[in-house]
Amino acid sequence: MTITITKDDVSQVLAHRVLRKDADQKLQLEGILSDYRKYFPNFAAQSDKYIDLFPIHPYVIDVFEGLPYFENRGIITFSADNVKLILDQPAPLFITYDRVYDLIDAVHEIRNQPTVAEVIKVIQALQSKIDLLDARFREDAKKLIKALAVLNCLAV
């Protein structure tokens, strides 16, 4: 039997199977994330989505849906794998769409597509310049260029 996961189902599968939270956990997250409302303008309107998908930022799902390279199961696998990597870190820590670049870069069939290969070349050139930055800004700079690369792949 084959189960098909539609794009509409991805967030539901993540919220109710992969990132499941009980009522107390949701209440705790509401309190923790309330301090971060100023960073997420749509948090008030979508607070349930932020809490249900935490630690995945909801925009990650939107980005994945805009990329032609991944099936819906890939979004779920990506989310589960990335959540495992941050389990020991203190909340709140969001998994953001800059991490999608690492997946794009790691999959040979995707990275060798002509339009993606061009983006990867640019990112590699930019990454070589990051070492010239003050050490305090290097990690953020890496995240920013990866995020820009993913957005560029969306536009292609």
N, C-alpha and C. Protein backbone atom coordinates (compact mmCIF):
# COMPACT_ATOMS: atom_id res chain seq x y z
N MET A 1 0.83 -1.17 0.00
CA MET A 1 0.00 0.00 0.00
C MET A 1 0.88 1.24 0.00
N THR A 2 0.62 2.17 -0.89
CA THR A 2 1.36 3.40 -1.00
C THR A 2 0.56 4.54 -0.38
N ILE A 3 1.22 5.29 0.47
CA ILE A 3 0.56 6.45 1.09
C ILE A 3 1.13 7.69 0.44
N THR A 4 0.25 8.52 -0.08
CA THR A 4 0.66 9.76 -0.71
C THR A 4 0.48 10.91 0.27
N ILE A 5 1.52 11.69 0.44
CA ILE A 5 1.47 12.85 1.33
C ILE A 5 1.36 14.08 0.44
N THR A 6 0.26 14.79 0.56
CA THR A 6 0.09 16.01 -0.23
C THR A 6 0.79 17.17 0.46
N LYS A 7 0.98 18.24 -0.26
CA LYS A 7 1.63 19.43 0.31
C LYS A 7 0.86 19.94 1.53
N ASP A 8 -0.46 19.85 1.48
CA ASP A 8 -1.27 20.31 2.61
C ASP A 8 -1.05 19.44 3.84
N ASP A 9 -0.66 18.19 3.62
CA ASP A 9 -0.49 17.26 4.73
C ASP A 9 0.86 17.38 5.43
N VAL A 10 1.85 17.96 4.77
CA VAL A 10 3.20 17.98 5.32
C VAL A 10 3.22 18.64 6.70
N SER A 11 2.65 19.82 6.82
CA SER A 11 2.64 20.50 8.12
C SER A 11 1.90 19.69 9.17
N GLN A 12 0.81 19.06 8.76
CA GLN A 12 0.04 18.24 9.71
C GLN A 12 0.84 17.03 10.17
N VAL A 13 1.51 16.36 9.23
CA VAL A 13 2.32 15.20 9.59
C VAL A 13 3.44 15.62 10.54
N LEU A 14 4.09 16.72 10.22
CA LEU A 14 5.16 17.20 11.08
C LEU A 14 4.64 17.54 12.48
N ALA A 15 3.54 18.29 12.53
CA ALA A 15 3.01 18.74 13.82
C ALA A 15 2.49 17.59 14.68
N HIS A 16 1.86 16.60 14.05
CA HIS A 16 1.20 15.56 14.83
C HIS A 16 1.96 14.25 14.93
N ARG A 17 3.01 14.09 14.12
CA ARG A 17 3.78 12.84 14.17
C ARG A 17 5.24 13.07 14.55
N VAL A 18 5.88 14.01 13.91
CA VAL A 18 7.32 14.21 14.10
C VAL A 18 7.60 15.16 15.26
N LEU A 19 6.85 16.25 15.36
CA LEU A 19 7.11 17.30 16.34
C LEU A 19 6.00 17.41 17.38
N ARG A 20 5.38 16.31 17.69
CA ARG A 20 4.23 16.27 18.59
C ARG A 20 4.55 16.88 19.96
N LYS A 21 3.60 17.66 20.46
CA LYS A 21 3.74 18.31 21.76
C LYS A 21 2.44 18.16 22.54
N ASP A 22 2.57 18.00 23.85
CA ASP A 22 1.36 17.95 24.67
C ASP A 22 0.95 19.38 25.05
N ALA A 23 -0.17 19.52 25.72
CA ALA A 23 -0.71 20.84 26.05
C ALA A 23 0.25 21.65 26.92
N ASP A 24 0.93 21.00 27.88
CA ASP A 24 1.87 21.72 28.74
C ASP A 24 3.07 22.23 27.93
N GLN A 25 3.56 21.42 27.02
CA GLN A 25 4.69 21.84 26.18
C GLN A 25 4.29 23.03 25.30
N LYS A 26 3.08 22.98 24.76
CA LYS A 26 2.61 24.09 23.93
C LYS A 26 2.50 25.37 24.75
N LEU A 27 2.03 25.26 25.97
CA LEU A 27 1.91 26.41 26.85
C LEU A 27 3.29 26.98 27.18
N GLN A 28 4.26 26.11 27.47
CA GLN A 28 5.63 26.56 27.72
C GLN A 28 6.21 27.27 26.50
N LEU A 29 5.99 26.70 25.33
CA LEU A 29 6.50 27.32 24.10
C LEU A 29 5.86 28.68 23.86
N GLU A 30 4.59 28.81 24.15
CA GLU A 30 3.90 30.10 23.99
C GLU A 30 4.61 31.15 24.83
N GLY A 31 4.98 30.79 26.04
CA GLY A 31 5.69 31.72 26.91
C GLY A 31 7.09 32.04 26.41
N ILE A 32 7.81 31.02 25.99
CA ILE A 32 9.18 31.22 25.50
C ILE A 32 9.17 32.06 24.23
N LEU A 33 8.27 31.74 23.31
CA LEU A 33 8.25 32.42 22.02
C LEU A 33 7.64 33.81 22.07
N SER A 34 6.91 34.12 23.13
CA SER A 34 6.29 35.44 23.21
C SER A 34 7.35 36.55 23.21
N ASP A 35 8.52 36.27 23.74
CA ASP A 35 9.61 37.25 23.73
C ASP A 35 10.14 37.51 22.32
N TYR A 36 9.85 36.61 21.40
CA TYR A 36 10.40 36.70 20.05
C TYR A 36 9.39 37.19 19.01
N ARG A 37 8.23 37.61 19.46
CA ARG A 37 7.19 38.10 18.54
C ARG A 37 7.69 39.24 17.66
N LYS A 38 8.54 40.08 18.20
CA LYS A 38 9.03 41.23 17.44
C LYS A 38 9.88 40.81 16.24
N TYR A 39 10.44 39.61 16.28
CA TYR A 39 11.27 39.13 15.17
C TYR A 39 10.44 38.46 14.08
N PHE A 40 9.23 38.03 14.43
CA PHE A 40 8.36 37.32 13.50
C PHE A 40 7.03 38.06 13.38
N PRO A 41 6.92 38.96 12.41
CA PRO A 41 5.74 39.82 12.31
C PRO A 41 4.41 39.05 12.20
N ASN A 42 4.44 37.86 11.61
CA ASN A 42 3.20 37.12 11.45
C ASN A 42 2.95 36.13 12.59
N PHE A 43 3.74 36.23 13.65
CA PHE A 43 3.60 35.30 14.77
C PHE A 43 2.22 35.37 15.41
N ALA A 44 1.71 36.54 15.61
CA ALA A 44 0.41 36.68 16.28
C ALA A 44 -0.69 35.97 15.50
N ALA A 45 -0.67 36.13 14.20
CA ALA A 45 -1.71 35.52 13.36
C ALA A 45 -1.49 34.01 13.19
N GLN A 46 -0.24 33.57 13.34
CA GLN A 46 0.06 32.16 13.10
C GLN A 46 0.75 31.50 14.29
N SER A 47 0.43 31.94 15.49
CA SER A 47 1.13 31.41 16.66
C SER A 47 0.96 29.90 16.80
N ASP A 48 -0.21 29.38 16.47
CA ASP A 48 -0.41 27.92 16.56
C ASP A 48 0.53 27.18 15.62
N LYS A 49 0.72 27.73 14.42
CA LYS A 49 1.61 27.10 13.44
C LYS A 49 3.05 27.13 13.94
N TYR A 50 3.49 28.26 14.48
CA TYR A 50 4.85 28.36 15.02
C TYR A 50 5.06 27.35 16.14
N ILE A 51 4.08 27.24 17.01
CA ILE A 51 4.20 26.33 18.16
C ILE A 51 4.12 24.88 17.70
N ASP A 52 3.17 24.56 16.84
CA ASP A 52 3.01 23.18 16.37
C ASP A 52 4.23 22.68 15.61
N LEU A 53 4.86 23.55 14.83
CA LEU A 53 6.01 23.15 14.01
C LEU A 53 7.35 23.36 14.71
N PHE A 54 7.36 24.02 15.85
CA PHE A 54 8.62 24.28 16.55
C PHE A 54 9.39 22.99 16.74
N PRO A 55 10.67 22.97 16.43
CA PRO A 55 11.61 24.04 16.15
C PRO A 55 11.79 24.36 14.66
N ILE A 56 10.95 23.81 13.81
CA ILE A 56 11.01 24.15 12.39
C ILE A 56 10.28 25.48 12.19
N HIS A 57 10.95 26.45 11.60
CA HIS A 57 10.28 27.71 11.28
C HIS A 57 9.28 27.42 10.16
N PRO A 58 8.05 27.90 10.26
CA PRO A 58 7.04 27.60 9.24
C PRO A 58 7.46 27.96 7.81
N TYR A 59 8.29 28.96 7.65
CA TYR A 59 8.71 29.34 6.30
C TYR A 59 9.55 28.26 5.62
N VAL A 60 10.17 27.38 6.42
CA VAL A 60 10.94 26.27 5.84
C VAL A 60 10.02 25.40 4.98
N ILE A 61 8.82 25.15 5.46
CA ILE A 61 7.86 24.34 4.71
C ILE A 61 7.49 25.05 3.42
N ASP A 62 7.25 26.35 3.50
CA ASP A 62 6.91 27.13 2.30
C ASP A 62 8.04 27.09 1.28
N VAL A 63 9.28 27.20 1.76
CA VAL A 63 10.43 27.17 0.86
C VAL A 63 10.52 25.82 0.17
N PHE A 64 10.42 24.76 0.94
CA PHE A 64 10.48 23.41 0.36
C PHE A 64 9.42 23.22 -0.71
N GLU A 65 8.23 23.72 -0.44
CA GLU A 65 7.14 23.55 -1.40
C GLU A 65 7.40 24.32 -2.69
N GLY A 66 8.24 25.36 -2.63
CA GLY A 66 8.57 26.13 -3.81
C GLY A 66 9.75 25.58 -4.60
N LEU A 67 10.44 24.63 -4.03
CA LEU A 67 11.59 24.03 -4.71
C LEU A 67 11.15 22.76 -5.45
N PRO A 68 11.51 22.63 -6.72
CA PRO A 68 11.07 21.47 -7.50
C PRO A 68 11.88 20.21 -7.25
N TYR A 69 12.88 20.26 -6.40
CA TYR A 69 13.82 19.16 -6.27
C TYR A 69 13.42 18.09 -5.25
N PHE A 70 12.44 18.39 -4.40
CA PHE A 70 12.17 17.50 -3.28
C PHE A 70 10.72 17.03 -3.27
N GLU A 71 10.54 15.79 -2.87
CA GLU A 71 9.20 15.26 -2.64
C GLU A 71 8.79 15.63 -1.22
N ASN A 72 7.51 15.49 -0.95
CA ASN A 72 7.00 15.84 0.37
C ASN A 72 7.64 15.01 1.48
N ARG A 73 7.93 13.75 1.20
CA ARG A 73 8.60 12.91 2.20
C ARG A 73 9.98 13.48 2.54
N GLY A 74 10.61 14.10 1.55
CA GLY A 74 11.92 14.71 1.78
C GLY A 74 11.86 15.84 2.78
N ILE A 75 10.77 16.58 2.78
CA ILE A 75 10.58 17.67 3.74
C ILE A 75 10.49 17.09 5.15
N ILE A 76 9.76 16.01 5.28
CA ILE A 76 9.59 15.37 6.58
C ILE A 76 10.92 14.79 7.06
N THR A 77 11.63 14.13 6.18
CA THR A 77 12.94 13.56 6.53
C THR A 77 13.92 14.66 6.93
N PHE A 78 13.97 15.73 6.13
CA PHE A 78 14.83 16.87 6.44
C PHE A 78 14.51 17.40 7.84
N SER A 79 13.24 17.58 8.13
CA SER A 79 12.83 18.12 9.42
C SER A 79 13.25 17.21 10.56
N ALA A 80 12.97 15.93 10.43
CA ALA A 80 13.32 14.98 11.49
C ALA A 80 14.83 14.94 11.71
N ASP A 81 15.59 14.90 10.63
CA ASP A 81 17.05 14.86 10.74
C ASP A 81 17.61 16.11 11.40
N ASN A 82 17.08 17.27 11.05
CA ASN A 82 17.58 18.52 11.62
C ASN A 82 17.17 18.72 13.06
N VAL A 83 16.01 18.21 13.43
CA VAL A 83 15.57 18.30 14.83
C VAL A 83 16.50 17.45 15.70
N LYS A 84 16.88 16.28 15.22
CA LYS A 84 17.80 15.43 15.98
C LYS A 84 19.11 16.14 16.28
N LEU A 85 19.56 16.97 15.35
CA LEU A 85 20.83 17.67 15.51
C LEU A 85 20.81 18.73 16.61
N ILE A 86 19.63 19.22 16.96
CA ILE A 86 19.56 20.32 17.94
C ILE A 86 18.87 19.93 19.25
N LEU A 87 18.59 18.66 19.44
CA LEU A 87 17.86 18.23 20.64
C LEU A 87 18.54 18.65 21.95
N ASP A 88 19.85 18.70 21.97
CA ASP A 88 20.57 19.03 23.20
C ASP A 88 20.76 20.53 23.41
N GLN A 89 20.29 21.34 22.48
CA GLN A 89 20.51 22.78 22.58
C GLN A 89 19.30 23.46 23.23
N PRO A 90 19.54 24.55 23.94
CA PRO A 90 18.44 25.22 24.64
C PRO A 90 17.47 25.91 23.67
N ALA A 91 16.21 25.93 24.09
CA ALA A 91 15.17 26.60 23.29
C ALA A 91 15.24 28.09 23.58
N PRO A 92 14.82 28.94 22.72
CA PRO A 92 14.29 28.61 21.41
C PRO A 92 15.39 28.63 20.35
N LEU A 93 15.40 27.63 19.54
CA LEU A 93 16.32 27.56 18.42
C LEU A 93 15.51 27.07 17.23
N PHE A 94 15.36 27.92 16.24
CA PHE A 94 14.58 27.55 15.06
C PHE A 94 15.49 26.95 13.99
N ILE A 95 14.97 25.95 13.32
CA ILE A 95 15.60 25.43 12.12
C ILE A 95 15.04 26.27 10.99
N THR A 96 15.93 26.98 10.31
CA THR A 96 15.52 27.91 9.29
C THR A 96 15.92 27.41 7.90
N TYR A 97 15.44 28.09 6.89
CA TYR A 97 15.60 27.57 5.53
C TYR A 97 17.02 27.67 4.99
N ASP A 98 17.93 28.34 5.68
CA ASP A 98 19.32 28.32 5.23
C ASP A 98 19.89 26.90 5.25
N ARG A 99 19.34 26.04 6.09
CA ARG A 99 19.80 24.65 6.16
C ARG A 99 19.40 23.84 4.93
N VAL A 100 18.44 24.33 4.20
CA VAL A 100 18.03 23.65 2.97
C VAL A 100 19.18 23.68 1.95
N TYR A 101 19.99 24.73 2.02
CA TYR A 101 21.13 24.82 1.09
C TYR A 101 22.06 23.61 1.25
N ASP A 102 22.31 23.21 2.49
CA ASP A 102 23.19 22.06 2.72
C ASP A 102 22.64 20.81 2.05
N LEU A 103 21.33 20.66 2.06
CA LEU A 103 20.70 19.52 1.40
C LEU A 103 20.83 19.64 -0.12
N ILE A 104 20.59 20.81 -0.64
CA ILE A 104 20.73 21.05 -2.08
C ILE A 104 22.17 20.74 -2.51
N ASP A 105 23.11 21.21 -1.73
CA ASP A 105 24.53 21.02 -2.03
C ASP A 105 24.95 19.56 -1.91
N ALA A 106 24.31 18.81 -1.03
CA ALA A 106 24.70 17.42 -0.79
C ALA A 106 24.14 16.43 -1.81
N VAL A 107 23.06 16.78 -2.48
CA VAL A 107 22.43 15.85 -3.43
C VAL A 107 22.99 16.10 -4.82
N HIS A 108 23.77 15.15 -5.29
CA HIS A 108 24.49 15.26 -6.56
C HIS A 108 23.57 15.63 -7.73
N GLU A 109 22.41 15.01 -7.81
CA GLU A 109 21.48 15.26 -8.92
C GLU A 109 20.95 16.69 -8.92
N ILE A 110 20.85 17.27 -7.75
CA ILE A 110 20.35 18.65 -7.64
C ILE A 110 21.49 19.64 -7.90
N ARG A 111 22.59 19.46 -7.24
CA ARG A 111 23.69 20.42 -7.34
C ARG A 111 24.28 20.51 -8.74
N ASN A 112 24.09 19.48 -9.55
CA ASN A 112 24.64 19.49 -10.90
C ASN A 112 23.68 20.05 -11.95
N GLN A 113 22.49 20.42 -11.55
CA GLN A 113 21.59 21.08 -12.50
C GLN A 113 22.20 22.43 -12.83
N PRO A 114 22.18 22.81 -14.10
CA PRO A 114 22.90 24.03 -14.51
C PRO A 114 22.59 25.28 -13.68
N THR A 115 21.34 25.54 -13.41
CA THR A 115 21.00 26.76 -12.67
C THR A 115 21.46 26.66 -11.21
N VAL A 116 21.37 25.48 -10.63
CA VAL A 116 21.80 25.28 -9.25
C VAL A 116 23.32 25.32 -9.16
N ALA A 117 23.99 24.73 -10.13
CA ALA A 117 25.45 24.72 -10.15
C ALA A 117 26.01 26.15 -10.15
N GLU A 118 25.36 27.04 -10.87
CA GLU A 118 25.79 28.43 -10.90
C GLU A 118 25.65 29.08 -9.52
N VAL A 119 24.54 28.80 -8.85
CA VAL A 119 24.32 29.34 -7.50
C VAL A 119 25.39 28.80 -6.55
N ILE A 120 25.69 27.53 -6.65
CA ILE A 120 26.69 26.91 -5.77
C ILE A 120 28.07 27.53 -5.99
N LYS A 121 28.42 27.81 -7.23
CA LYS A 121 29.71 28.46 -7.51
C LYS A 121 29.79 29.83 -6.83
N VAL A 122 28.73 30.59 -6.90
CA VAL A 122 28.71 31.90 -6.27
C VAL A 122 28.83 31.76 -4.75
N ILE A 123 28.10 30.83 -4.19
CA ILE A 123 28.15 30.63 -2.73
C ILE A 123 29.54 30.20 -2.29
N GLN A 124 30.17 29.33 -3.05
CA GLN A 124 31.54 28.92 -2.70
C GLN A 124 32.49 30.11 -2.72
N ALA A 125 32.33 30.98 -3.70
CA ALA A 125 33.18 32.17 -3.76
C ALA A 125 32.93 33.08 -2.56
N LEU A 126 31.67 33.25 -2.20
CA LEU A 126 31.34 34.08 -1.04
C LEU A 126 31.84 33.46 0.26
N GLN A 127 31.71 32.15 0.37
CA GLN A 127 32.16 31.48 1.60
C GLN A 127 33.66 31.64 1.80
N SER A 128 34.41 31.71 0.71
CA SER A 128 35.86 31.90 0.85
C SER A 128 36.17 33.30 1.41
N LYS A 129 35.27 34.23 1.26
CA LYS A 129 35.47 35.59 1.77
C LYS A 129 35.07 35.74 3.23
N ILE A 130 34.30 34.80 3.74
CA ILE A 130 33.81 34.89 5.12
C ILE A 130 34.95 34.91 6.13
N ASP A 131 36.04 34.21 5.83
CA ASP A 131 37.18 34.18 6.75
C ASP A 131 37.80 35.55 6.95
N LEU A 132 37.50 36.48 6.06
CA LEU A 132 38.02 37.84 6.17
C LEU A 132 37.22 38.68 7.17
N LEU A 133 36.04 38.19 7.52
CA LEU A 133 35.18 38.92 8.46
C LEU A 133 35.65 38.73 9.90
N ASP A 134 35.20 39.64 10.73
CA ASP A 134 35.40 39.50 12.17
C ASP A 134 34.76 38.18 12.60
N ALA A 135 35.42 37.44 13.46
CA ALA A 135 34.96 36.11 13.88
C ALA A 135 33.53 36.14 14.43
N ARG A 136 33.12 37.25 15.04
CA ARG A 136 31.77 37.34 15.61
C ARG A 136 30.68 37.23 14.55
N PHE A 137 31.00 37.58 13.30
CA PHE A 137 29.98 37.65 12.25
C PHE A 137 30.01 36.47 11.28
N ARG A 138 30.96 35.60 11.42
CA ARG A 138 31.15 34.53 10.43
C ARG A 138 29.97 33.56 10.34
N GLU A 139 29.49 33.09 11.47
CA GLU A 139 28.38 32.13 11.43
C GLU A 139 27.12 32.74 10.82
N ASP A 140 26.82 33.97 11.22
CA ASP A 140 25.65 34.65 10.65
C ASP A 140 25.83 34.88 9.16
N ALA A 141 27.04 35.22 8.75
CA ALA A 141 27.31 35.44 7.33
C ALA A 141 27.10 34.15 6.54
N LYS A 142 27.54 33.03 7.09
CA LYS A 142 27.34 31.73 6.42
C LYS A 142 25.85 31.45 6.26
N LYS A 143 25.09 31.69 7.30
CA LYS A 143 23.64 31.46 7.25
C LYS A 143 22.98 32.36 6.21
N LEU A 144 23.40 33.61 6.19
CA LEU A 144 22.81 34.56 5.24
C LEU A 144 23.06 34.18 3.79
N ILE A 145 24.28 33.80 3.46
CA ILE A 145 24.54 33.46 2.07
C ILE A 145 23.86 32.16 1.67
N LYS A 146 23.74 31.24 2.61
CA LYS A 146 23.00 30.00 2.31
C LYS A 146 21.52 30.30 2.10
N ALA A 147 20.97 31.18 2.93
CA ALA A 147 19.56 31.57 2.76
C ALA A 147 19.34 32.25 1.43
N LEU A 148 20.26 33.13 1.05
CA LEU A 148 20.15 33.80 -0.26
C LEU A 148 20.24 32.79 -1.41
N ALA A 149 21.08 31.79 -1.26
CA ALA A 149 21.19 30.77 -2.29
C ALA A 149 19.88 30.01 -2.45
N VAL A 150 19.26 29.67 -1.33
CA VAL A 150 17.98 28.95 -1.39
C VAL A 150 16.91 29.82 -2.06
N LEU A 151 16.87 31.08 -1.68
CA LEU A 151 15.91 31.99 -2.31
C LEU A 151 16.17 32.12 -3.80
N ASN A 152 17.42 32.11 -4.20
CA ASN A 152 17.76 32.17 -5.61
C ASN A 152 17.28 30.92 -6.33
N CYS A 153 17.40 29.78 -5.68
CA CYS A 153 16.91 28.52 -6.28
C CYS A 153 15.38 28.55 -6.43
N LEU A 154 14.71 29.25 -5.52
CA LEU A 154 13.26 29.40 -5.63
C LEU A 154 12.90 30.22 -6.87
N ALA A 155 13.71 31.23 -7.15
CA ALA A 155 13.42 32.17 -8.23
C ALA A 155 13.76 31.58 -9.60
N VAL A 156 14.59 30.55 -9.63
CA VAL A 156 15.05 29.99 -10.90
C VAL A 156 13.94 29.21 -11.57
